[in-house]
Amino acid sequence: MGERCCAAVVRVLVLQAAWALSGGQVRYSVPEEAKAGTVVGRLAQDLGLEAGEAEARRLRLVAPGRRASVEVSGASGALVVSSRLDREELCGKSAPCALRLEVLLERPLRVFHVQLEVTDINDNAPVFPAARKNLSIAELSVPGSRFPLEGASDADIGANAQLTYTLSPSEHFSLEVKSKDENKISVLLVLTKPLDRETIPVHRLVLTATDGGRPSLTGTMELVISVLDVNDNAPQFNQSLYKVQLPENTSPGTVFLQLTATDKDEGINQEIYYSFSDAVSAKIQDLFKIDEKSGEIRTAGELDFEDTQSYDLEIEVTDKGTPSLSGHCSVDLKVLDVNDNAPEVWVTSLSVPVPEDASLGTVVALLSVSDRDSGENGRVRCWVWPASPFGLEATFAGSYSLVLREALDRERVSEYEVEVRAEDGGAPALRASRGLRVPVSDVNDNAPLFAQAVYTVLARENNAAGAELARLWARDPDEAANGRVSYSVWDGGVSVGVGGAAGSSSSGGSGWRPASSYVSVDAESGRLWALQPLDYEELQVLQFEVRAVDAGEPPLSGNATVQLFVLDENDNAPALLPPAGSAAEAGGVAAAAEAALALAGAGSESGTLWAWAAWGAPAGQVVAKIRAVDADSGYNAWLRYELWEPRGKGPFRVGLYSGEVSTARALDEADGPRQRLLIVVRDHGEPARSATATLSVSLLEAAEAALAAGSSSSLSAVSRSAAGVELGAGAASAATNVWLVVAICAVSSLFLLAVVLYGASRWAPRAAVLSGPGPTTLVCASEVGSWSYSQRHSRSLCVADGAAKSDLMVFSPNFPPPPPAPAAKDTQPEPSALLDTVSFPSFIPFSAPFYPHSDLMLL
């Protein structure tokens, strides 16, 4: 046996490793029983791989469902035998014995199909069912009688399984071999000479079976023939061969054949019964049952076409004579295939997760599909459900690739449940499916996006450093580092004065302060913090950009605009302006305002102011005017004047909003030479702040009062409209009334103009604007009420067409009811509107209320 195996190894036939037209299949051949390590073929070379490429790209075999017995050598890439190859164990009687292997190659992933044919060697000798067979033959048997014998079987195939039979020499018996079909032969023992039991009661013969291998192998069976006396007619079937076809789904207990046999003897020698021949195996007898009296053959078990396609049943009929005689027939049963096997789907390789930017045509998985049925019942159709974004491509018979057909988006679908469905061509069709879970990995393809493009933030001035102003949030639908967002203040700032107050024209220069010096944003949470207390008098609006950047590679970003509006608090008390004609007033209105602020910073109390009045002056004559300023705005800067001392019905009264001190009645000598008035100036803030002024009014004769008034007029000629204390006489009162009429007309004209401009600004194109910090605002008193002005430079507003303009905003008054006055003529009328010119663009929402008053405010 060893010599034969060595000779077979030497005769290893390697088929050409050329690509077949069916898709590139490599075929090899190897004899069975080849030793482990035997080289079957140079697989790597036949696949066109360079030296060392097979190991680098992990060339390996995939043999689903069975042991391959071969493997790929990692170093050389050769296909070698790894374990014992037994063709009979692998394929049985099937010819040829072809093993279908799949070869995987990575980077890139490719699949090749290898067909390995295991050729037969003559390693199995013929085998009879039994080493000895007993036969009983009546002595009256006529020459030419034939007795069937069970032939031998050979596990080999082809010429190695072609058997010839010989019988040991005998003068009474010979051997006859007939072919039933191309695969089956029958062996018959033929009586050639009459038997004589008294001469030879028992004949012992040897039946030898020889196969066609080289060298040939043999098997033997001893025949023990007993010669029987008397009963000389054996039962006979009406035909020697019955052919039957049964579908494999035939239910157990189904009668499929009725046998008929007759015996020419009479009496007990004529009674017959049916049975299976001893040649029928016990396994077959478990599948079929025969009624010994009627000869009906029925199924006892379930048939399976995929297991056995045909059965050869040897039936024997025996009479009850002594000795009994028997007849024989054969039943050739063919099993018909029905569609009773669903397709099978196997995943041989799976490459997950799939990046969401994977290109179309990317191979995700390799699948193998098979059906054990034959013909149309075994023809399988495959598809993918749902139909997108994956599809199937057939690579070889029964092999498919799951490929990407549409672009992926992990933010839309992060994981796919794919079902590969298979359906055969039977009727009814059977289906099978295999589920695949295909996760999608993330790439950084989404920039952070803020919930709002513009955030409007309101903050009161004098806030604490570190106070939280707002919380910004940007969403990034990516995951892990690609979706982790960090925040930063990116752009924005304000112009500030260098060497003075922000935006002041007297500062001698200007500079730029970035928004990061006022606010900061937490990189992780997006919380907006104030780095320092905010001052409305310095800064009203701060606009800047906040950027959100993710941690992906490359990083992506998004921006949002933040408009921070500072709300005014009543943190400045009214301040009195210096008296008319003083050094501060000689420097101009701006110098007077600065002096007033200096006074306000020093305290809310002022020095004594002086005025003169003549005895006999009529009621309503203005003798002085108190001037005051408040650095706040709106209601916080709206001032009112009250006479604190003396209380009751004194000779003087003070205009509630004008600050004018006038006579309440005609003066006489009983009022004394001097009157001391204590006047309180209050704003309308919450809580209200105030300042006090002391006015000393000297009562003189008419000539002396005129002389004092003349000298006072010469001192206040620089700026009469801004005088702190003014003298009043008959001519001065007339001039005052003229100026009052002029002022009222001017205010009315400006009110109409402001209404027109305000209406235009409401429908004008809006644009973002950077507004500088606000200056100190001065509020002064005049005949027409309190008014304020600003020292800062006028600001240019950026509009859609690029042109610069100034906006005027008009607010209707909404006064609280005025306090009662001694006489209607003593109370100054309040203007009906407030003309307010501001540097904010008309579209900016100002959350702090504008408190209207009777002043003309130039901001």
Foldseek 3Di string as FASTA:
>chain_A
DVVLQVVQLVVFFADQLAADPQFREGEWEGAFQHDFFRFTFQQCVSVVHDQLQCLVQVKWKDQPPDDPQWIADNRRRTITGHDGGDQCVQPFADPFRWGWMWIWTVPPTDIYIYIYTHAYALPWAWAFPDQEDEAEAALLEDFFDKDWDGGTATRTYDQSTAKDKAKDDDPFWGWDKAAPDPVDIIIIITGHDGHDCVVPQKDKMKMKIWGRHVVIHIDIHIYIYGYFYDLHWAKEWPDQEAEAEAEQADDFPAFGDWTDIFTPDDDQLGAKFKDFDPSDDPVVCCQWPAGGRGGTITGHDGGDCLVPFKDKTKMKMWTRDGVIHIYIHIYIYGYDYALPWAKDKDWPDADDAAALADDFFDFGTKMFIFTSTDDQSTAKDKWKPPNPQWTWDDSGVRMITITGRDGGDCLVPQKDWMKMKMWTRGVVIHIDIDIDIHGYAYALDWAWAWPDQEAEWEAEFPDAFFDWTDATDTATSTDDQSGQKFKWFDFWWFKQADQDAGQFPPSPGIDTDTCVQAWTAGGRGRTIGGRHGHAQQFAAKTKTKMKMWTRGVVIHIDIHIYIYGYFYALPFAKFWFDAFLDPQPLVDPVSRQVVRVVRSVVHQEDDEAEWEDEAFDAFPWFTKATKIWTQTAFQSTQKFKAWPPPDDDAQWGAAGFQRTITGHGGGHCVNDQKDKIKMKMWGRGVVIHIHIYIYIYGYDHPVVNVVVLVVVCVSRVSPVQQGRIHGTDPVNVVVQVVVQVVVLVVVVVVQVVQVVLLVCLVPFADDDFGDGRRHGKTWIHGSQGIEIAGSGDADFGQGDVRDTDWHKHKDFADDDDDDDDPDPVNHRDARGIEIETDNDRSPDDDPHDRHTGRYHYHD
